[in-house]
Protein backbone atom coordinates (compact mmCIF):
# COMPACT_ATOMS: atom_id res chain seq x y z
CA MET A 1 -23.56 -29.50 15.55
CA THR A 2 -26.48 -27.05 15.61
CA ASP A 3 -27.48 -24.95 18.60
CA LYS A 4 -31.14 -25.30 19.50
CA ASN A 5 -31.08 -22.34 21.87
CA TRP A 6 -31.74 -19.90 19.03
CA PRO A 7 -33.33 -16.58 20.07
CA GLN A 8 -36.33 -15.26 18.22
CA THR A 9 -35.20 -12.49 15.91
CA PRO A 10 -38.25 -10.23 16.47
CA HIS A 11 -36.97 -9.57 20.02
CA ASN A 12 -34.05 -7.55 18.62
CA ASN A 13 -34.79 -3.86 18.95
CA ASN A 14 -32.16 -1.13 18.86
CA GLY A 15 -34.42 1.81 18.13
CA ILE A 16 -33.75 2.12 14.38
CA PRO A 17 -36.15 0.09 12.23
CA ALA A 18 -33.72 -0.11 9.30
CA ILE A 19 -30.98 -1.62 11.47
CA ASP A 20 -33.48 -3.88 13.25
CA ALA A 21 -34.60 -5.23 9.87
CA GLU A 22 -31.01 -5.85 8.76
CA GLN A 23 -30.25 -7.73 11.97
CA GLN A 24 -33.31 -9.91 11.52
CA LYS A 25 -32.40 -10.57 7.88
CA LEU A 26 -28.86 -11.59 8.80
CA LEU A 27 -30.00 -13.83 11.64
CA HIS A 28 -32.58 -15.40 9.34
CA LEU A 29 -29.82 -16.26 6.86
CA VAL A 30 -27.87 -17.91 9.65
CA GLU A 31 -30.97 -19.89 10.64
CA GLN A 32 -31.38 -21.07 7.04
CA THR A 33 -27.78 -22.26 6.97
CA ASP A 34 -28.30 -23.93 10.35
CA LEU A 35 -31.23 -25.80 8.83
CA LEU A 36 -29.10 -26.92 5.87
CA VAL A 37 -26.63 -28.41 8.33
CA GLU A 38 -29.42 -30.39 10.00
CA GLN A 39 -30.62 -31.60 6.60
CA GLY A 40 -27.16 -32.94 5.76
CA ALA A 41 -26.38 -30.53 2.91
CA SER A 42 -23.25 -31.22 0.87
CA SER A 43 -19.94 -29.67 1.87
CA ASP A 44 -19.75 -27.46 -1.24
CA GLN A 45 -23.25 -26.09 -0.52
CA LEU A 46 -22.29 -25.37 3.09
CA LEU A 47 -19.06 -23.72 1.95
CA ARG A 48 -21.00 -21.36 -0.30
CA GLN A 49 -23.39 -20.52 2.52
CA ALA A 50 -20.55 -19.97 4.99
CA ARG A 51 -18.79 -17.55 2.61
CA ASP A 52 -22.06 -15.72 2.01
CA LEU A 53 -22.56 -15.30 5.75
CA ILE A 54 -19.10 -13.77 6.15
CA ILE A 55 -19.86 -11.31 3.35
CA PHE A 56 -23.34 -10.52 4.70
CA THR A 57 -21.82 -9.92 8.15
CA ALA A 58 -19.27 -7.50 6.66
CA SER A 59 -22.03 -5.76 4.73
CA TYR A 60 -24.14 -5.37 7.86
CA PHE A 61 -21.16 -3.97 9.77
CA LYS A 62 -20.51 -1.42 7.02
CA ARG A 63 -24.13 -0.25 7.00
CA GLU A 64 -24.24 0.05 10.78
CA GLU A 65 -20.97 2.00 10.64
CA LYS A 66 -22.43 4.46 8.11
CA VAL A 67 -25.49 5.04 10.28
CA MET A 68 -23.36 5.67 13.36
CA GLN A 69 -21.21 8.11 11.37
CA ALA A 70 -24.31 9.99 10.22
CA LEU A 71 -25.54 10.19 13.80
CA LYS A 72 -22.07 11.15 15.12
CA HIS A 73 -22.44 8.30 17.58
CA PRO A 74 -19.95 8.40 20.50
CA SER A 75 -19.42 4.62 20.37
CA LEU A 76 -18.32 4.57 16.72
CA ALA A 77 -14.59 4.03 17.35
CA ASP A 78 -15.17 1.16 19.79
CA THR A 79 -17.73 -0.39 17.44
CA LEU A 80 -15.32 -0.31 14.48
CA THR A 81 -12.66 -2.02 16.59
CA THR A 82 -15.10 -4.73 17.66
CA GLN A 83 -16.33 -5.25 14.10
CA SER A 84 -12.78 -5.60 12.80
CA GLU A 85 -11.93 -8.13 15.50
CA ILE A 86 -15.03 -10.21 14.71
CA LEU A 87 -14.35 -10.25 10.95
CA GLN A 88 -10.72 -11.20 11.50
CA SER A 89 -11.71 -14.03 13.84
CA LEU A 90 -14.32 -15.28 11.34
CA LEU A 91 -11.82 -15.29 8.47
CA LEU A 92 -9.13 -16.94 10.57
CA ASP A 93 -11.49 -19.64 11.80
CA PHE A 94 -12.95 -20.33 8.35
CA ASN A 95 -9.62 -20.37 6.50
CA LYS A 96 -8.02 -22.88 8.84
CA ARG A 97 -10.87 -25.42 8.65
CA ASP A 98 -11.06 -28.49 6.46
CA PHE A 99 -13.64 -28.33 3.67
CA ASN A 100 -16.01 -30.98 5.02
CA GLN A 101 -19.52 -30.95 6.47
CA GLU A 102 -18.54 -31.29 10.12
CA ALA A 103 -15.90 -28.56 10.03
CA ILE A 104 -18.16 -26.09 8.22
CA ALA A 105 -21.05 -26.87 10.57
CA GLU A 106 -18.78 -25.99 13.48
CA PHE A 107 -17.91 -22.72 11.76
CA ILE A 108 -21.60 -21.85 11.37
CA VAL A 109 -22.06 -22.26 15.14
CA PHE A 110 -18.98 -20.08 15.75
CA LEU A 111 -20.29 -17.35 13.44
CA LYS A 112 -23.76 -17.50 14.98
CA ASN A 113 -22.45 -17.13 18.52
CA SER A 114 -20.18 -14.26 17.45
CA LEU A 115 -23.14 -12.39 15.95
CA LEU A 116 -25.41 -12.97 18.94
CA THR A 117 -22.75 -11.63 21.30
CA TYR A 118 -22.21 -8.60 19.08
CA PHE A 119 -25.93 -7.83 18.69
CA LYS A 120 -26.44 -8.08 22.43
CA ILE A 121 -23.85 -5.32 22.89
CA SER A 122 -24.69 -3.19 19.86
CA ASN A 123 -28.42 -3.03 20.59
CA ASN A 124 -27.52 -0.73 23.44
CA HIS A 125 -25.90 1.73 21.03
CA PHE A 126 -29.13 3.24 19.77
CA THR A 127 -32.20 4.64 21.45
CA PRO A 128 -35.67 5.42 20.01
CA PRO A 129 -35.07 9.20 19.69
CA TYR A 130 -32.74 8.45 16.79
CA ASN A 131 -35.84 7.70 14.70
CA ILE A 132 -36.42 11.42 14.24
CA LEU A 133 -33.21 11.49 12.18
CA SER A 134 -34.60 9.13 9.58
CA ASP A 135 -33.39 11.27 6.63
CA LYS A 136 -29.78 11.03 7.76
CA ILE A 137 -30.13 7.30 8.31
CA THR A 138 -31.67 6.75 4.88
CA THR A 139 -28.89 8.73 3.21
CA ALA A 140 -26.22 6.81 5.12
CA LEU A 141 -27.68 3.44 4.11
CA SER A 142 -27.96 4.53 0.47
CA GLU A 143 -24.17 4.98 0.40
CA THR A 144 -23.51 1.32 1.18
CA VAL A 145 -24.13 -1.99 -0.54
CA SER A 146 -27.44 -3.60 0.46
CA LEU A 147 -27.27 -6.71 2.61
CA ALA A 148 -29.32 -8.61 0.02
CA LYS A 149 -27.13 -7.55 -2.92
CA HIS A 150 -25.32 -10.43 -4.58
CA HIS A 151 -21.60 -9.89 -5.10
CA ALA A 152 -20.66 -11.92 -8.18
CA VAL A 153 -17.01 -12.91 -8.44
CA ASN A 154 -16.42 -15.17 -11.44
CA ILE A 155 -13.40 -17.46 -11.70
CA TYR A 156 -11.86 -18.29 -15.08
CA ILE A 157 -9.21 -20.87 -15.95
CA VAL A 158 -7.30 -19.98 -19.12
CA ASP A 159 -4.84 -22.64 -20.35
CA ASP A 160 -4.29 -24.34 -23.69
CA GLU A 161 -4.29 -27.85 -22.11
CA GLN A 162 -7.83 -29.20 -21.67
CA GLN A 163 -6.72 -31.74 -19.08
CA TYR A 164 -5.19 -29.04 -16.93
CA VAL A 165 -8.28 -26.82 -17.26
CA ASP A 166 -10.53 -29.69 -16.17
CA MET A 167 -8.30 -30.46 -13.18
CA MET A 168 -8.29 -26.83 -11.99
CA ILE A 169 -12.06 -26.54 -12.37
CA GLU A 170 -12.35 -29.63 -10.19
CA MET A 171 -10.01 -28.08 -7.58
CA VAL A 172 -12.10 -24.91 -7.53
CA GLY A 173 -15.18 -27.10 -7.06
CA ILE A 174 -13.64 -28.77 -4.01
CA ALA A 175 -13.40 -25.29 -2.49
CA GLY A 176 -17.16 -24.95 -2.95
CA LEU A 177 -16.78 -22.55 -5.87
CA SER A 178 -17.32 -22.78 -9.61
CA ALA A 179 -15.12 -21.82 -12.56
CA LYS A 180 -15.35 -21.62 -16.32
CA GLY A 181 -12.49 -22.86 -18.46
CA PHE A 182 -11.00 -21.65 -21.75
CA THR A 183 -8.36 -23.42 -23.83
CA SER A 184 -8.34 -20.59 -26.37
CA ALA A 185 -7.01 -17.22 -25.26
CA LYS A 186 -8.51 -15.69 -28.39
CA LEU A 187 -12.00 -16.78 -27.33
CA PHE A 188 -11.40 -15.69 -23.75
CA ILE A 189 -10.42 -12.08 -24.52
CA ASN A 190 -13.77 -11.67 -26.28
CA HIS A 191 -15.65 -12.97 -23.23
CA PRO A 192 -17.36 -10.32 -21.06
CA VAL A 193 -14.80 -10.20 -18.23
CA VAL A 194 -15.23 -7.56 -15.49
CA ASP A 195 -12.96 -6.03 -12.84
CA THR A 196 -14.34 -8.21 -10.04
CA ASP A 197 -13.37 -11.48 -11.75
CA ILE A 198 -10.46 -13.78 -10.88
CA ILE A 199 -8.40 -15.25 -13.73
CA LEU A 200 -6.02 -18.19 -13.42
CA LEU A 201 -3.86 -17.47 -16.46
CA ASP A 202 -1.18 -19.61 -18.08
CA LEU A 203 1.56 -17.43 -19.58
CA ASN A 204 2.88 -19.97 -22.08
CA MET A 205 0.13 -20.45 -24.65
CA PRO A 206 0.37 -20.68 -28.45
CA GLY A 207 -1.01 -17.84 -30.54
CA ILE A 208 -2.03 -15.36 -27.85
CA ASP A 209 0.06 -15.79 -24.69
CA GLY A 210 -0.80 -14.73 -21.14
CA ILE A 211 1.04 -11.39 -21.37
CA GLU A 212 -1.00 -10.48 -24.45
CA VAL A 213 -4.19 -11.47 -22.65
CA MET A 214 -3.39 -9.06 -19.81
CA ARG A 215 -2.44 -6.29 -22.20
CA THR A 216 -5.60 -6.76 -24.30
CA LEU A 217 -7.91 -6.64 -21.28
CA TYR A 218 -5.97 -3.67 -19.91
CA ASP A 219 -6.44 -1.78 -23.19
CA LYS A 220 -10.18 -2.47 -22.88
CA GLY A 221 -10.14 -0.89 -19.43
CA CYS A 222 -10.73 -4.25 -17.72
CA MET A 223 -8.68 -4.83 -14.54
CA PRO A 224 -9.51 -8.25 -13.02
CA THR A 225 -7.36 -10.09 -10.47
CA TYR A 226 -4.84 -12.55 -11.91
CA ILE A 227 -3.16 -15.69 -10.68
CA LEU A 228 -0.26 -16.19 -13.10
CA VAL A 229 0.93 -19.70 -13.94
CA SER A 230 3.96 -20.89 -15.87
CA GLY A 231 5.70 -24.22 -16.36
CA PHE A 232 8.51 -22.69 -18.37
CA ASP A 233 10.71 -20.45 -16.23
CA ASP A 234 10.37 -18.67 -12.90
CA ARG A 235 12.01 -15.62 -14.46
CA VAL A 236 9.13 -15.41 -16.92
CA LEU A 237 6.69 -15.32 -14.01
CA HIS A 238 8.72 -12.60 -12.33
CA SER A 239 8.97 -10.51 -15.48
CA ALA A 240 5.24 -10.86 -16.11
CA LYS A 241 4.60 -9.62 -12.57
CA GLN A 242 6.79 -6.57 -13.23
CA PHE A 243 4.80 -5.85 -16.39
CA ALA A 244 1.57 -6.09 -14.39
CA ASP A 245 2.89 -3.82 -11.63
CA ALA A 246 3.88 -1.19 -14.18
CA LYS A 247 0.28 -1.14 -15.44
CA ASN A 248 -1.26 -1.35 -11.93
CA ILE A 249 -2.68 -4.75 -12.89
CA LEU A 250 -3.37 -6.82 -9.77
CA VAL A 251 -1.49 -10.14 -9.67
CA ALA A 252 -2.54 -11.93 -6.50
CA ARG A 253 -0.08 -14.82 -6.85
CA LYS A 254 2.48 -16.46 -9.13
CA LEU A 255 2.38 -20.27 -9.41
CA SER A 256 4.82 -22.64 -11.09
CA LYS A 257 3.62 -25.88 -12.64
CA PRO A 258 3.02 -28.45 -11.33
CA ILE A 259 0.71 -26.66 -8.89
CA ASN A 260 0.30 -27.86 -5.32
CA THR A 261 -3.43 -28.57 -5.52
CA LYS A 262 -4.06 -28.66 -1.76
CA LYS A 263 -2.52 -25.22 -1.28
CA PHE A 264 -4.32 -23.90 -4.37
CA ILE A 265 -7.74 -25.02 -3.10
CA ARG A 266 -7.25 -23.17 0.16
CA TYR A 267 -5.80 -20.10 -1.55
CA ILE A 268 -8.58 -19.71 -4.15
CA SER A 269 -11.11 -19.90 -1.31
CA GLN A 270 -9.35 -17.11 0.59
CA LEU A 271 -8.92 -14.95 -2.52
CA HIS A 272 -12.60 -15.30 -3.41
CA ILE A 273 -13.64 -14.08 0.05
CA GLU A 274 -11.12 -11.22 0.01
CA THR A 275 -12.38 -10.04 -3.37
CA ARG A 276 -16.00 -10.07 -2.22
CA LEU A 277 -15.10 -8.25 0.98
CA GLN A 278 -13.47 -5.50 -1.07
CA LEU A 279 -16.73 -5.14 -2.99
CA THR A 280 -18.64 -4.91 0.28
CA ASN A 281 -16.41 -2.06 1.43
CA THR A 282 -16.94 -0.11 -1.80
CA CYS A 283 -19.54 2.61 -1.37
CA VAL A 284 -22.23 3.25 -3.93
CA PRO A 285 -21.00 6.11 -6.17
CA HIS A 286 -23.69 8.75 -5.56
CA LYS A 287 -21.27 11.55 -4.80
CA LYS A 288 -20.88 14.44 -7.17
CA ALA A 289 -17.64 14.58 -9.07
CA ALA A 290 -15.19 16.93 -7.41
CA SER A 291 -14.05 19.87 -9.43
CA ALA A 292 -10.49 19.62 -10.74
CA PRO A 293 -7.97 21.34 -8.45
CA ARG A 294 -6.43 24.56 -9.72
CA LYS A 295 -2.90 24.11 -11.01
CA LEU A 296 0.07 26.22 -10.08
CA SER A 297 1.04 28.66 -12.83
CA LEU A 298 4.57 29.57 -13.87
CA GLU A 299 4.15 33.09 -12.53
CA GLN A 300 2.94 31.71 -9.18
CA LEU A 301 6.02 29.47 -9.02
CA LYS A 302 8.33 32.44 -9.62
CA VAL A 303 6.61 34.38 -6.84
CA ALA A 304 6.79 31.35 -4.52
CA ILE A 305 10.56 31.01 -4.93
CA HIS A 306 11.23 34.70 -4.24
CA GLU A 307 8.62 35.30 -1.53
CA ASN A 308 9.39 32.48 0.90
CA GLN A 309 6.53 30.17 -0.03
CA LEU A 310 8.78 27.11 -0.20
CA VAL A 311 8.84 25.02 2.98
CA LEU A 312 10.79 21.93 3.98
CA PHE A 313 9.44 18.77 5.54
CA TYR A 314 11.86 16.26 7.01
CA GLN A 315 11.89 12.45 7.10
CA PRO A 316 14.25 10.88 9.65
CA LYS A 317 16.95 8.33 8.88
CA LEU A 318 17.69 5.79 11.59
CA ASN A 319 20.68 3.55 12.22
CA ILE A 320 19.16 0.09 11.75
CA THR A 321 21.48 -1.49 14.33
CA THR A 322 21.15 1.06 17.13
CA ASN A 323 17.76 2.65 16.27
CA LYS A 324 19.37 6.08 16.70
CA VAL A 325 18.40 9.04 14.53
CA THR A 326 21.34 9.91 12.27
CA GLY A 327 19.78 12.60 10.11
CA PHE A 328 16.87 13.84 8.03
CA GLU A 329 16.06 14.05 4.34
CA ALA A 330 14.74 17.50 3.41
CA LEU A 331 11.67 17.32 1.16
CA VAL A 332 10.48 20.56 -0.43
CA ARG A 333 6.82 21.64 -0.54
CA LEU A 334 5.17 24.84 -1.75
CA GLN A 335 2.76 26.50 0.68
CA HIS A 336 0.60 28.68 -1.57
CA PRO A 337 -1.72 31.21 0.13
CA GLU A 338 -4.67 30.19 -2.08
CA LEU A 339 -3.89 26.74 -3.47
CA GLY A 340 -2.65 25.27 -0.19
CA LEU A 341 0.18 22.76 0.19
CA ILE A 342 1.60 21.70 -3.19
CA PHE A 343 3.92 18.69 -3.62
CA PRO A 344 7.09 18.73 -5.76
CA ASP A 345 5.67 16.57 -8.54
CA GLN A 346 3.59 19.63 -9.47
CA PHE A 347 6.41 22.18 -9.71
CA ILE A 348 9.90 20.62 -10.05
CA ALA A 349 9.44 19.75 -13.74
CA MET A 350 8.03 23.24 -14.36
CA ALA A 351 11.10 24.77 -12.73
CA GLU A 352 13.42 22.61 -14.86
CA GLN A 353 11.60 23.48 -18.07
CA ASN A 354 11.74 27.23 -17.37
CA ASN A 355 15.30 27.65 -16.09
CA LEU A 356 14.17 28.16 -12.49
CA ILE A 357 15.69 25.05 -10.95
CA SER A 358 18.94 26.70 -9.88
CA GLU A 359 17.03 29.38 -7.95
CA LEU A 360 14.73 26.77 -6.43
CA THR A 361 17.63 24.54 -5.34
CA SER A 362 19.43 27.51 -3.82
CA GLU A 363 16.32 28.41 -1.83
CA VAL A 364 16.01 24.82 -0.61
CA PHE A 365 19.67 24.85 0.47
CA ARG A 366 19.16 28.17 2.26
CA LEU A 367 16.12 26.82 4.13
CA ALA A 368 17.96 23.62 5.07
CA THR A 369 20.92 25.51 6.53
CA LYS A 370 18.52 27.73 8.44
CA ASP A 371 16.70 24.69 9.80
CA TYR A 372 20.01 23.06 10.71
CA SER A 373 20.55 25.86 13.22
CA ARG A 374 17.06 25.24 14.62
CA PHE A 375 17.87 21.54 15.01
CA ARG A 376 21.05 22.45 16.88
CA SER A 377 19.12 24.79 19.18
CA ALA A 378 16.84 21.86 20.03
CA GLY A 379 19.86 19.78 21.02
CA ILE A 380 19.86 17.73 17.81
CA ASN A 381 23.05 17.33 15.78
CA PRO A 382 21.76 15.75 12.58
CA GLY A 383 22.90 15.31 9.06
CA ILE A 384 20.60 16.84 6.46
CA ALA A 385 20.17 15.39 2.97
CA ILE A 386 19.16 17.72 0.12
CA ASN A 387 17.96 16.56 -3.29
CA ILE A 388 19.25 18.30 -6.40
CA SER A 389 18.19 18.16 -10.05
CA ALA A 390 20.05 16.99 -13.13
CA GLN A 391 20.19 20.61 -14.28
CA ASP A 392 21.94 21.58 -11.05
CA LEU A 393 24.88 19.48 -12.21
CA LEU A 394 25.44 21.96 -15.03
CA ASP A 395 25.69 24.91 -12.63
CA LEU A 396 29.47 25.35 -12.27
CA SER A 397 29.07 27.85 -9.44
CA MET A 398 27.00 25.53 -7.23
CA PRO A 399 29.81 23.85 -5.19
CA GLU A 400 31.37 27.17 -4.18
CA ARG A 401 28.00 28.80 -3.51
CA PHE A 402 26.87 25.93 -1.26
CA TYR A 403 30.18 25.91 0.60
CA GLU A 404 30.10 29.65 1.30
CA LEU A 405 26.50 29.46 2.55
CA ALA A 406 27.31 26.56 4.89
CA LYS A 407 30.41 28.40 6.14
CA ALA A 408 28.38 31.55 6.82
CA LYS A 409 25.97 29.51 8.94
CA ASN A 410 28.86 27.77 10.75
CA ILE A 411 27.70 24.39 9.43
CA PRO A 412 30.33 21.71 8.74
CA PRO A 413 29.94 20.63 5.07
CA GLU A 414 30.10 16.95 6.07
CA ALA A 415 26.78 17.44 7.90
CA ILE A 416 25.11 18.00 4.52
CA THR A 417 24.50 15.20 2.04
CA ILE A 418 23.71 16.02 -1.57
CA GLU A 419 21.33 13.42 -3.04
CA LEU A 420 20.86 12.84 -6.74
CA THR A 421 19.54 10.02 -8.88
CA GLU A 422 21.79 8.04 -11.19
CA THR A 423 19.67 9.13 -14.14
CA ALA A 424 20.49 12.75 -13.26
CA ILE A 425 24.19 12.00 -13.61
CA LEU A 426 23.70 10.43 -17.01
CA LYS A 427 22.36 13.70 -18.42
CA SER A 428 25.91 15.04 -18.67
CA VAL A 429 28.54 12.63 -17.42
CA SER A 430 31.68 14.77 -17.83
CA ASP A 431 30.19 17.91 -16.26
CA SER A 432 28.56 15.80 -13.55
CA LEU A 433 31.86 14.29 -12.46
CA ASP A 434 33.45 17.74 -12.42
CA ILE A 435 30.82 19.17 -10.07
CA LEU A 436 30.49 16.03 -7.95
CA ASN A 437 34.23 15.95 -7.28
CA ARG A 438 34.25 19.63 -6.38
CA LEU A 439 31.32 19.14 -3.97
CA ARG A 440 33.15 16.23 -2.37
CA MET A 441 36.38 18.19 -2.04
CA LYS A 442 34.43 20.94 -0.28
CA GLY A 443 33.51 18.33 2.33
CA PHE A 444 29.89 17.57 1.35
CA SER A 445 28.70 13.95 1.38
CA LEU A 446 27.22 12.52 -1.84
CA SER A 447 24.38 10.04 -2.10
CA ILE A 448 23.25 8.14 -5.18
CA ASP A 449 19.47 7.88 -4.87
CA ASP A 450 17.06 5.29 -6.35
CA PHE A 451 19.98 2.93 -6.89
CA GLY A 452 19.24 -0.01 -9.17
CA THR A 453 16.58 1.68 -11.31
CA GLY A 454 18.92 3.13 -13.97
CA TYR A 455 21.01 1.52 -16.65
CA SER A 456 24.57 2.39 -15.66
CA SER A 457 24.62 2.11 -11.87
CA LEU A 458 27.98 0.37 -11.56
CA VAL A 459 29.61 2.86 -13.91
CA GLN A 460 28.37 5.75 -11.76
CA LEU A 461 29.66 4.13 -8.58
CA TYR A 462 33.01 3.50 -10.22
CA GLN A 463 33.43 7.02 -11.59
CA ALA A 464 31.83 9.33 -9.00
CA PRO A 465 32.99 9.96 -5.38
CA PHE A 466 29.81 8.82 -3.62
CA THR A 467 29.69 8.24 0.12
CA GLU A 468 26.17 6.78 0.35
CA LEU A 469 24.03 4.35 -1.65
CA LYS A 470 20.24 4.52 -1.30
CA ILE A 471 18.41 1.33 -2.25
CA ASP A 472 15.29 2.17 -4.21
CA GLN A 473 12.04 1.68 -2.32
CA SER A 474 10.49 -0.39 -5.11
CA PHE A 475 12.89 -3.21 -4.15
CA VAL A 476 12.71 -2.67 -0.38
CA MET A 477 8.89 -2.69 -0.26
CA ARG A 478 8.70 -5.99 -2.22
CA MET A 479 11.66 -7.81 -0.71
CA LEU A 480 9.64 -10.11 1.57
CA ASP A 481 7.35 -11.35 -1.21
CA ASP A 482 9.65 -11.19 -4.23
CA ASP A 483 12.85 -13.26 -4.27
CA GLU A 484 14.33 -11.21 -7.09
CA ALA A 485 13.74 -7.94 -5.21
CA LEU A 486 15.32 -9.48 -2.11
CA SER A 487 18.37 -10.53 -4.16
CA ILE A 488 18.79 -6.97 -5.46
CA VAL A 489 18.59 -5.55 -1.92
CA LYS A 490 21.22 -8.07 -0.75
CA ILE A 491 23.53 -7.20 -3.66
CA CYS A 492 23.14 -3.45 -3.04
CA ILE A 493 24.06 -3.83 0.64
CA LEU A 494 27.04 -6.03 -0.21
CA LEU A 495 28.16 -3.63 -2.95
CA ALA A 496 27.98 -0.68 -0.55
CA LYS A 497 30.13 -2.57 1.98
CA GLU A 498 32.72 -3.50 -0.64
CA LEU A 499 32.96 0.12 -1.84
CA LYS A 500 32.95 1.45 1.74
CA LEU A 501 29.69 3.34 1.24
CA THR A 502 26.85 3.80 3.72
CA SER A 503 23.81 1.76 2.65
CA VAL A 504 20.36 3.33 3.12
CA ALA A 505 17.07 1.51 2.55
CA GLU A 506 14.12 3.76 1.74
CA GLY A 507 10.46 2.76 1.75
CA ILE A 508 10.48 0.73 5.00
CA GLU A 509 6.83 0.14 5.83
CA SER A 510 6.80 -2.74 8.31
CA GLN A 511 8.64 -4.28 11.26
CA GLU A 512 9.27 -7.39 9.15
CA ILE A 513 11.13 -5.39 6.48
CA TRP A 514 13.10 -3.55 9.16
CA ASN A 515 14.12 -6.87 10.77
CA LYS A 516 15.20 -8.34 7.44
CA LEU A 517 17.32 -5.29 6.60
CA GLU A 518 18.97 -5.51 10.01
CA GLN A 519 19.71 -9.18 9.34
CA LEU A 520 21.25 -8.29 5.95
CA GLY A 521 23.49 -5.63 7.50
CA CYS A 522 21.96 -2.48 6.02
CA ASN A 523 23.27 0.66 7.74
CA LEU A 524 20.40 3.17 7.68
CA GLY A 525 16.68 3.14 6.98
CA GLN A 526 13.82 5.54 6.36
CA GLY A 527 10.14 5.18 5.55
CA TYR A 528 6.60 5.49 6.89
CA PHE A 529 7.26 2.69 9.42
CA ILE A 530 9.65 5.07 11.13
CA SER A 531 7.90 8.37 10.45
CA LYS A 532 6.14 10.31 7.74
CA PRO A 533 7.79 13.53 6.53
CA ALA A 534 6.97 16.30 9.01
CA SER A 535 7.64 19.94 9.76
CA ILE A 536 10.82 20.80 11.63
CA ASP A 537 8.90 21.55 14.83
CA ALA A 538 7.19 18.15 14.67
CA CYS A 539 10.55 16.49 13.96
CA CYS A 540 12.19 18.11 16.98
CA GLU A 541 9.30 16.95 19.14
CA TRP A 542 9.54 13.46 17.59
CA VAL A 543 13.26 13.21 18.44
CA GLU A 544 12.68 14.46 21.98
CA LYS A 545 10.04 11.79 22.60
CA ASN A 546 12.07 9.04 20.95
CA SER A 547 15.65 9.85 21.80
CA VAL A 548 16.21 6.21 22.75
CA LEU A 549 14.22 3.89 20.53
CA LYS A 550 13.95 0.35 21.84
CA SER A 551 12.50 -2.77 20.20
CA SER A 552 10.58 -1.01 17.43
CA PRO A 553 11.41 2.25 15.64
CA TYR A 554 7.79 2.92 14.75
CA VAL A 555 6.23 6.10 16.00
CA ASP A 556 2.65 7.01 15.15
CA SER A 557 3.08 10.16 13.09
CA SER A 558 -0.46 10.26 11.75
CA ASN A 559 -1.06 13.52 13.57
CA LEU A 560 1.95 15.20 12.02
CA PRO A 561 1.40 17.77 9.27
């Protein structure tokens, strides 16, 4: 299967000695693997070599990218696209092959030809004058992982059954990898585990169970990648995954016993490569620590509210069936003259704690009604959703004040939706219902936000006059990979239909999620797949360009503020 027409590496010359040397080193590694194929090396040895070559190729690409960035090379964008395409094709080809000598030998030839084609093109990127910029090139290379650096990714099997541990170690070996087994969780948590390791962890173990293992390593500051296994109950696996997500612990997959060994062998191979590739893309930390950003003071917040420093960004809501824009959610920001753009997580709590939230909400409402007129001038007749705080529900004057302001601006109250979380209502149920009913009687629409994340959702829907139910993004974003999340989304949509509410899915980030929501009958959607929050001017331009959205609602809003 080898290709005898192998060019001599010394002929490669792109004008930068450091890059020339890296090319020669990479091609030499391919030649060594080619020789192993001729010598009839075992399949597991060839598998290890093939994975190494993928990682070395990615490392070379990253180092070349850094050099081109340092030189402000005009071909950088095209080069990055080509590199990405090559890596994707290598991974796709490798992952679909059988783990035997012939198949891996064929992959080596495929990788070799891909590199030769790439080098033939890329050697025209650089010219000898770039050598005078050697300092910039040296600095750029120092910020990447060396081609020769070994990326260690250890695999551990942790299960109290020795027979199972031995079987999984054997399966890992078939993939051309090695693993170490532990039947004692107590011994394992004292083992020097690092963040780059992969742990196949049984949840149901005597003494110290899998959840405790994750918590113990987390408390030590160790964040490896887990594959969780359970033969007890799928709900246990799901709950363990939720625990991990809450701690930002990476769970790559959940497996129920008995494990499909053929699928596991292929998956552990892919995960091992993905983990090493992530290490390759991690720059060497030579940068100086950035100074902590200055925080907004209480006095600055007071000034901001009274001196027009609050600004609104808008995120569109689309009808999932027709793709038509139905409205926008207003999202408040603070544009400080010295501190720059400040997000609400840095000032809403401060406003609540210092009795400023009523003034802040009133300013947001004023800005939204002002912007509504600007939308109308641009030929847009949208609904605008405004978020309010739990403390706003104690302001008995709010319904009348909002109504009078909308009336003064000649805005129909039904064009404005008041959004609040279910936890906000729980702060004071009786007063909340009073104000919510008065808002509704004034004509405003009411939306219950983050539905499904509180403890009394059904009670709130039963008691309060809501017109809209927003499905929390934590369920929407996971619905394709998490059966329980999908079930919750289905139930929310069905519940909204039964109660004659409009269902809104937030956090839509892909065409696949959009399609699934359309299939389930969800009414409206919003999220980065549609558009990021943007200024009113950018939103008006966005609507003008996309007044009739066809097969996909996605619009590239990366250039929006």
